Protein backbone atom coordinates (compact mmCIF):
# COMPACT_ATOMS: atom_id res chain seq x y z
CA MET A 1 40.66 -19.44 -24.37
CA SER A 2 37.36 -18.76 -25.87
CA THR A 3 36.50 -19.56 -29.36
CA ILE A 4 35.94 -16.37 -31.35
CA ASP A 5 33.35 -17.45 -34.15
CA THR A 6 33.79 -15.30 -37.06
CA SER A 7 31.69 -17.73 -39.73
CA PRO A 8 29.53 -15.15 -41.61
CA PRO A 9 25.48 -16.38 -41.69
CA HIS A 10 24.51 -19.00 -44.22
CA THR A 11 22.07 -17.65 -46.99
CA GLY A 12 19.70 -20.86 -47.97
CA SER A 13 21.20 -23.96 -48.18
CA ALA A 14 24.17 -22.81 -49.77
CA ALA A 15 27.39 -23.14 -48.11
CA ARG A 16 30.08 -20.59 -47.45
CA THR A 17 33.24 -21.77 -49.51
CA PRO A 18 36.09 -22.18 -47.90
CA VAL A 19 39.33 -19.82 -48.51
CA PRO A 20 42.52 -21.30 -48.31
CA ASP A 21 44.90 -20.20 -45.91
CA ASN A 22 47.14 -17.81 -48.48
CA PRO A 23 48.52 -14.85 -46.60
CA GLU A 24 49.02 -12.88 -50.24
CA ARG A 25 45.34 -13.69 -51.22
CA PRO A 26 43.50 -10.63 -52.27
CA GLU A 27 41.89 -8.56 -49.40
CA GLU A 28 37.68 -9.71 -49.97
CA ALA A 29 35.27 -7.38 -48.46
CA VAL A 30 34.14 -7.87 -44.82
CA PRO A 31 30.23 -10.02 -44.65
CA GLN A 32 28.09 -7.52 -42.93
CA GLY A 33 28.22 -7.65 -38.92
CA GLN A 34 31.58 -9.88 -39.18
CA PHE A 35 33.76 -6.63 -37.50
CA LYS A 36 30.97 -6.34 -34.97
CA ALA A 37 31.29 -10.32 -34.61
CA LEU A 38 35.12 -10.14 -33.98
CA ALA A 39 35.20 -7.09 -32.22
CA LYS A 40 32.92 -9.22 -29.38
CA GLY A 41 34.92 -12.12 -29.67
CA MET A 42 38.13 -9.73 -28.81
CA THR A 43 36.14 -8.04 -26.20
CA LYS A 44 35.31 -11.16 -24.38
CA GLU A 45 39.02 -12.06 -24.57
CA LEU A 46 39.82 -9.24 -23.19
CA VAL A 47 37.06 -9.32 -19.89
CA ARG A 48 37.94 -13.11 -19.49
CA ASP A 49 41.82 -11.74 -19.28
CA PRO A 50 42.09 -11.15 -15.24
CA MET A 51 45.52 -10.43 -15.59
CA ALA A 52 45.53 -7.84 -18.29
CA LEU A 53 42.30 -5.81 -16.64
CA PHE A 54 44.43 -6.15 -12.76
CA PHE A 55 47.21 -4.11 -14.31
CA SER A 56 45.16 -1.92 -16.55
CA VAL A 57 42.65 -0.78 -13.85
CA VAL A 58 43.16 -2.73 -10.52
CA PHE A 59 46.95 -1.92 -9.93
CA PRO A 60 47.05 2.10 -11.68
CA VAL A 61 44.56 2.76 -8.95
CA LEU A 62 46.37 1.35 -5.97
CA LEU A 63 49.16 2.80 -7.29
CA ALA A 64 48.00 6.15 -7.04
CA GLY A 65 46.54 5.46 -3.70
CA LEU A 66 50.31 4.84 -2.30
CA PHE A 67 51.14 8.00 -4.00
CA VAL A 68 48.95 10.23 -2.32
CA THR A 69 49.14 8.54 0.92
CA ILE A 70 53.03 9.13 0.71
CA MET A 71 52.58 12.78 0.02
CA GLN A 72 50.05 13.09 2.62
CA LEU A 73 52.51 11.82 5.46
CA THR A 74 55.69 13.30 3.80
CA TRP A 75 54.33 16.50 2.10
CA ALA A 76 54.74 19.65 4.17
CA GLY A 77 51.53 21.47 5.73
CA GLY A 78 49.94 24.21 7.94
CA PRO A 79 50.19 26.07 9.79
CA TYR A 80 51.14 28.98 7.01
CA LYS A 81 52.52 32.75 7.45
CA VAL A 82 50.37 34.52 4.09
CA ALA A 83 50.92 38.25 3.38
CA VAL A 84 47.77 39.68 1.34
CA VAL A 85 47.91 42.60 -0.76
CA GLY A 86 44.62 44.15 0.08
CA SER A 87 42.43 45.05 3.20
CA GLY A 88 42.47 43.33 6.26
CA THR A 89 39.11 42.09 5.71
CA GLN A 90 40.17 40.04 2.52
CA ALA A 91 43.06 38.65 5.17
CA ALA A 92 40.49 38.32 8.08
CA GLN A 93 38.53 35.58 5.61
CA LEU A 94 41.77 33.78 4.65
CA GLN A 95 42.75 33.38 7.78
CA ASP A 96 39.76 31.90 8.91
CA ALA A 97 39.89 29.49 5.65
CA LEU A 98 43.23 28.33 6.16
CA GLY A 99 42.67 27.61 10.04
CA ASP A 100 45.58 25.23 11.61
CA GLY A 101 47.02 28.17 13.29
CA SER A 102 47.82 30.31 10.26
CA LYS A 103 48.30 33.53 10.08
CA VAL A 104 47.24 35.74 7.35
CA THR A 105 48.79 39.57 7.45
CA ALA A 106 47.65 42.16 5.30
CA VAL A 107 50.00 44.26 3.30
CA GLY A 108 50.36 47.31 1.08
CA SER A 109 52.87 45.83 -1.09
CA PRO A 110 54.18 42.58 -1.89
CA ARG A 111 57.39 44.20 -0.39
CA GLY A 112 55.42 44.93 2.86
CA ALA A 113 55.27 40.99 3.42
CA PRO A 114 56.84 40.06 6.84
CA GLU A 115 60.01 38.42 6.94
CA GLY A 116 59.61 33.86 6.98
CA THR A 117 56.27 34.14 5.26
CA ASP A 118 55.36 31.49 3.36
CA ALA A 119 53.14 33.21 0.26
CA VAL A 120 52.48 36.51 -1.24
CA VAL A 121 49.07 36.59 -2.25
CA ALA A 122 48.28 39.35 -4.57
CA PRO A 123 44.91 39.91 -6.77
CA SER A 124 44.76 41.05 -10.01
CA ALA A 125 43.80 44.09 -11.54
CA ASP A 126 41.00 42.18 -13.41
CA GLY A 127 39.76 39.89 -10.75
CA ASP A 128 40.13 37.02 -12.38
CA SER A 129 42.91 35.72 -10.70
CA LEU A 130 45.48 35.60 -7.53
CA LYS A 131 49.03 36.25 -8.08
CA VAL A 132 50.65 34.10 -5.60
CA VAL A 133 54.76 34.25 -5.03
CA THR A 134 55.61 31.44 -2.67
CA ASP A 135 58.48 29.97 -0.46
CA PRO A 136 60.50 27.21 -2.62
CA GLU A 137 60.40 25.36 0.94
CA SER A 138 57.18 25.44 1.46
CA PRO A 139 55.24 24.66 -1.75
CA SER A 140 52.26 22.72 -0.31
CA VAL A 141 50.61 26.59 0.66
CA VAL A 142 49.35 26.92 -2.73
CA SER A 143 47.31 23.82 -2.68
CA ALA A 144 46.18 25.27 0.97
CA LEU A 145 45.23 28.64 -0.88
CA ARG A 146 43.33 26.54 -3.32
CA ASP A 147 41.21 24.62 -0.90
CA ALA A 148 40.71 27.89 1.23
CA LEU A 149 39.36 29.81 -1.79
CA PRO A 150 35.62 28.34 -1.63
CA GLN A 151 35.15 29.93 1.83
CA THR A 152 36.71 33.37 0.69
CA GLY A 153 35.20 36.15 -1.51
CA TRP A 154 38.26 34.91 -4.03
CA ASP A 155 36.22 31.75 -4.73
CA GLY A 156 36.36 30.82 -8.79
CA ARG A 157 39.62 32.72 -9.33
CA ASN A 158 42.30 31.31 -11.00
CA VAL A 159 45.63 30.70 -9.00
CA ASP A 160 49.06 31.95 -10.80
CA ALA A 161 51.56 30.79 -8.50
CA VAL A 162 55.44 30.72 -8.83
CA GLY A 163 58.22 30.62 -6.52
CA THR A 164 60.67 33.13 -5.63
CA ASP A 165 63.13 31.42 -7.47
CA GLY A 166 60.82 32.15 -10.64
CA SER A 167 60.36 28.21 -11.00
CA PRO A 168 56.84 26.98 -10.59
CA PRO A 169 55.87 25.31 -7.15
CA PHE A 170 55.31 21.59 -7.22
CA GLU A 171 52.19 20.64 -6.14
CA PRO A 172 51.06 16.66 -6.18
CA MET A 173 47.71 15.98 -7.09
CA PRO A 174 48.41 17.97 -10.85
CA PHE A 175 51.48 15.58 -10.95
CA VAL A 176 50.10 12.47 -9.83
CA LEU A 177 47.04 12.21 -11.56
CA PRO A 178 48.44 12.37 -15.22
CA GLY A 179 51.24 10.13 -14.14
CA VAL A 180 48.71 7.55 -13.30
CA LEU A 181 46.40 7.68 -16.12
CA VAL A 182 49.84 7.30 -18.37
CA PHE A 183 50.62 4.33 -16.31
CA ALA A 184 47.28 2.70 -16.96
CA LEU A 185 47.33 3.71 -20.70
CA MET A 186 50.18 2.30 -21.42
CA SER A 187 49.67 -1.14 -19.06
CA LEU A 188 46.48 -1.05 -21.33
CA ALA A 189 48.64 -1.45 -24.25
CA LEU A 190 51.29 -3.79 -23.13
CA SER A 191 49.30 -5.97 -20.56
CA ALA A 192 46.15 -5.60 -22.55
CA THR A 193 47.37 -5.73 -26.05
CA ALA A 194 50.55 -6.95 -26.70
CA GLY A 195 50.64 -10.01 -24.61
CA THR A 196 47.11 -10.66 -26.34
CA LEU A 197 48.11 -10.80 -29.51
CA VAL A 198 50.95 -12.72 -28.62
CA SER A 199 48.58 -15.62 -27.33
CA LEU A 200 46.46 -15.72 -29.88
CA ARG A 201 49.57 -15.97 -32.71
CA ALA A 202 50.90 -18.46 -30.61
CA ASN A 203 47.88 -20.96 -29.72
CA GLY A 204 46.72 -20.14 -33.69
CA THR A 205 43.78 -18.08 -33.39
CA LEU A 206 45.44 -15.11 -35.75
CA ARG A 207 46.24 -17.64 -38.29
CA LEU A 208 42.94 -19.43 -38.03
CA LEU A 209 41.30 -16.03 -38.36
CA ARG A 210 43.03 -15.45 -41.74
CA THR A 211 41.97 -17.99 -43.67
CA THR A 212 38.28 -16.30 -43.02
CA PRO A 213 36.57 -13.64 -45.22
CA ALA A 214 37.55 -10.89 -43.19
CA ARG A 215 40.20 -8.09 -44.36
CA PRO A 216 43.08 -8.33 -42.33
CA GLN A 217 42.80 -4.78 -41.11
CA ALA A 218 39.05 -5.51 -39.40
CA ILE A 219 40.89 -9.00 -37.40
CA LEU A 220 43.36 -6.30 -36.02
CA THR A 221 40.89 -3.13 -35.52
CA SER A 222 38.64 -5.48 -33.83
CA LEU A 223 40.54 -5.35 -30.87
CA LEU A 224 40.50 -1.42 -31.19
CA PRO A 225 36.64 -0.88 -29.64
CA ALA A 226 36.87 -2.83 -26.21
CA ARG A 227 40.36 -1.43 -25.79
CA GLY A 228 39.35 2.29 -26.55
CA ALA A 229 36.21 1.92 -24.32
CA LEU A 230 38.70 1.01 -21.14
CA GLY A 231 40.62 3.93 -22.26
CA LEU A 232 38.01 6.36 -22.39
CA GLY A 233 36.69 4.88 -18.79
CA LEU A 234 40.23 5.34 -17.07
CA LEU A 235 39.73 9.05 -18.66
CA ALA A 236 36.72 9.51 -17.19
CA VAL A 237 37.66 8.23 -13.84
CA ALA A 238 40.82 10.30 -13.47
CA GLY A 239 38.96 13.49 -15.15
CA ALA A 240 36.26 13.03 -11.80
CA VAL A 241 38.96 13.04 -9.82
CA ALA A 242 40.42 15.80 -11.29
CA THR A 243 37.28 17.30 -11.49
CA VAL A 244 36.45 17.27 -7.18
CA LEU A 245 39.85 18.59 -6.89
CA GLY A 246 39.32 21.69 -8.84
CA LEU A 247 42.08 20.98 -10.84
CA LEU A 248 40.01 20.31 -14.30
CA THR A 249 37.62 22.93 -16.07
CA PRO A 250 35.32 21.78 -19.03
CA LEU A 251 37.87 23.45 -21.41
CA SER A 252 40.82 21.28 -20.37
CA GLY A 253 38.81 18.41 -20.17
CA LEU A 254 38.20 18.85 -23.98
CA THR A 255 42.33 18.88 -24.32
CA MET A 256 42.61 15.87 -21.84
CA LEU A 257 40.42 13.90 -24.70
CA LEU A 258 42.14 14.75 -27.07
CA THR A 259 45.59 14.05 -25.44
CA THR A 260 44.51 11.05 -24.08
CA ALA A 261 43.52 10.03 -27.56
CA LEU A 262 47.02 10.92 -28.98
CA GLY A 263 48.21 8.83 -26.08
CA MET A 264 46.25 6.31 -27.01
CA TRP A 265 47.12 6.34 -30.59
CA LEU A 266 51.09 5.96 -29.25
CA LEU A 267 51.16 3.37 -26.64
CA LEU A 268 48.37 1.01 -28.57
CA ALA A 269 50.73 1.29 -31.74
CA VAL A 270 53.98 -0.05 -29.45
CA GLY A 271 51.64 -2.73 -28.08
CA PHE A 272 50.72 -3.77 -31.92
CA LEU A 273 54.47 -3.77 -32.81
CA LEU A 274 55.44 -6.03 -29.65
CA GLY A 275 52.22 -7.93 -29.98
CA GLY A 276 53.04 -8.66 -33.62
CA THR A 277 56.69 -9.20 -33.43
CA LEU A 278 57.57 -11.19 -30.17
CA ARG A 279 57.02 -14.96 -30.27
CA SER A 280 56.35 -15.83 -26.74
CA PRO A 281 53.48 -14.62 -24.17
CA GLU A 282 55.92 -15.41 -21.39
CA LEU A 283 59.05 -13.31 -23.07
CA THR A 284 56.35 -10.91 -23.95
CA ASN A 285 55.53 -10.15 -20.16
CA ALA A 286 58.65 -10.25 -19.18
CA ILE A 287 59.83 -7.31 -22.08
CA SER A 288 56.46 -5.35 -20.45
CA GLY A 289 57.10 -5.87 -17.09
CA LEU A 290 60.78 -4.32 -17.49
CA LEU A 291 59.94 -2.03 -20.13
CA THR A 292 57.12 -0.09 -17.90
CA PRO A 293 59.19 0.93 -15.02
CA LEU A 294 62.01 1.69 -17.08
CA LEU A 295 59.77 4.16 -19.34
CA LEU A 296 58.02 5.82 -16.29
CA MET A 297 61.32 6.52 -14.75
CA ALA A 298 62.80 7.57 -17.53
CA SER A 299 60.19 9.91 -18.69
CA GLY A 300 59.19 12.02 -15.32
CA VAL A 301 55.80 10.49 -15.23
CA LEU A 302 56.01 9.03 -11.50
CA PHE A 303 58.76 10.70 -10.80
CA PRO A 304 60.05 14.63 -11.20
CA LEU A 305 62.88 14.70 -13.79
CA ASP A 306 63.77 17.46 -11.53
CA LEU A 307 65.20 15.13 -9.32
CA MET A 308 67.93 13.99 -12.32
CA PRO A 309 70.64 16.17 -13.14
CA ASP A 310 69.82 18.87 -15.49
CA GLY A 311 71.16 17.67 -18.92
CA LEU A 312 69.50 14.22 -18.39
CA ALA A 313 66.43 15.53 -17.61
CA ASP A 314 66.46 18.14 -20.67
CA VAL A 315 67.47 14.90 -22.66
CA LEU A 316 64.83 12.53 -21.23
CA SER A 317 62.05 14.99 -21.38
CA TRP A 318 62.08 14.52 -25.41
CA ASN A 319 60.96 10.76 -24.96
CA PRO A 320 57.50 9.83 -25.99
CA VAL A 321 56.00 9.04 -22.54
CA ALA A 322 57.67 12.18 -21.49
CA LEU A 323 56.01 14.01 -23.80
CA LEU A 324 52.47 12.58 -23.20
CA GLY A 325 52.79 13.45 -19.15
CA ASP A 326 53.84 16.51 -19.96
CA ALA A 327 50.86 17.27 -22.73
CA LEU A 328 48.45 15.85 -19.17
CA ARG A 329 49.80 18.18 -17.15
CA HIS A 330 48.98 21.02 -19.36
CA ASP A 331 45.19 19.92 -18.81
CA VAL A 332 45.06 20.16 -15.01
CA THR A 333 45.49 23.29 -12.98
CA GLY A 334 48.69 23.41 -10.96
CA GLY A 335 50.94 21.19 -13.88
CA VAL A 336 54.10 21.80 -13.98
CA THR A 337 55.32 21.18 -17.82
CA ARG A 338 58.29 21.71 -20.12
CA HIS A 339 57.20 22.26 -22.83
CA ALA A 340 54.14 23.41 -25.28
CA GLN A 341 51.24 21.38 -25.42
CA TRP A 342 50.56 21.96 -29.18
CA LEU A 343 54.28 20.72 -29.83
CA ASP A 344 53.61 17.88 -27.34
CA TRP A 345 50.57 16.75 -29.53
CA LEU A 346 52.76 17.15 -32.75
CA LEU A 347 55.65 15.04 -31.62
CA ILE A 348 53.17 12.55 -29.76
CA ALA A 349 51.11 11.71 -33.23
CA GLY A 350 54.11 11.90 -35.34
CA THR A 351 55.77 8.80 -33.43
CA ALA A 352 52.55 7.41 -33.48
CA ALA A 353 52.74 7.47 -36.93
CA LEU A 354 56.10 6.12 -37.65
CA LEU A 355 55.24 3.27 -35.03
CA THR A 356 52.06 1.98 -37.07
CA VAL A 357 53.62 2.04 -39.87
CA ALA A 358 56.24 -0.31 -38.02
CA ALA A 359 53.61 -2.38 -36.72
CA ILE A 360 52.22 -2.90 -39.95
CA ARG A 361 55.05 -3.89 -41.68
CA ALA A 362 56.41 -6.39 -38.78
CA PHE A 363 53.21 -7.70 -37.80
CA ARG A 364 53.14 -11.49 -38.06
CA TRP A 365 50.17 -13.70 -38.25
CA ASP A 366 51.96 -17.16 -36.87
CA THR A 367 54.82 -17.94 -34.72
CA GLU A 368 56.80 -19.78 -37.46
CA LYS A 369 59.97 -18.33 -38.69
CA ARG A 370 60.09 -17.30 -42.64
CA ASN A 371 62.70 -18.40 -44.90
C-alpha cells in the first residue's frame, strides 16, 4: 500500500514539533493544504485497489448486462393487438411504427376494443399524454408503445399506463437501472469504504495519521472526495443510459441527483460504521459479501417485492435500501413505486443521520482492544 504524506510544509529552518499519540488531545487547526494532501492520498488508495473498483464499477455493469439479456430473452414480445381511441390515421401510423405484424384498430371508445386486445390507447383531452390500459399478461406492450411514439404524431407525449386490474404494468428497464445504481453505490460503500478503512487501521496507517496535526474529522472525510466523484460518475452513466432510452427528463434528472446524494450518505454511513468497528479485512470482506446480496434481495432492488407474499413485501418495502430503490424509480419514466418520494427522502435522510452518529461514536483508530 502507498504511504500517504500528511506532513505540512516547513517554513525556513524550523522543524515541526511532533504531536504525541494521544487520542484525547485537543483538536488543532488543519494546516493549509493538509486536507488536499489527505484527499489525494486516499484517492490514490482507491485507484490502486483493483477489487474495490471492480465491485464498484465493473461488476454492476456486468450485472446490468446480464439482467438486460435475460429480460430480452424472456420478456414477451410482439406482435400486439392494440386499439386506439381516435381516427384511423392515428391507428395506421401506430401500426406502421410497431411493425412485426402488430394490428392496430381504431375504435370510438375503450369499450369498443376487440376481444384479446393487448392495450387500449386513448389520447388525453389536453393532448399532453396517452392513457394506456394494458392486459396484465402482456405488460411488454407498454415498452413497445414508448419506442414507437417518435414515429407517430404522438411524439413527446407521456404514457400513463395501467393494467386492467388497476396495477401499474412492470417494465424491465425502469426497474433494472435504479437497481443497478443502488448495487453500485452499495459496493462503493462496503468494498471501497469499509474495506479500505479496516485495512488502513489494521496496518497502522490510521493510527499514524492520528499523530499528525490534522483533525480527526479531516482524516476521515478525506475519503469522501474520491468516493463522491465515483458515485457521481456512476450516476452520470445511469442517467445517460436512461436518457437514451427515453426514461429520464431534465427535471427528473435533478431529483435523481438529490436521491443519489441521499443514498450515498446512507450507504457511506454504513461503510464508515463497519469500517470503524471491524478488525479484520478478511472478516469485513466476508460480511460485505454476505450483506450485499441479502440487502438486495430483501429490498426489491434487483428482484420485485411483488414476487414475495403481500405481508412480507409490505414490511420489507420500508427498509432503507428498499426506500432508496423506490425513490430512484420515481425519477425514471415507467418506474413502479410503493411510497411517495418525499417520504422516501425523509426516511433515508433520518436513517443516514442516525447511522452517521453511530459511526462517529463507535469509530476506533486502531485494532487494539480497549480496556
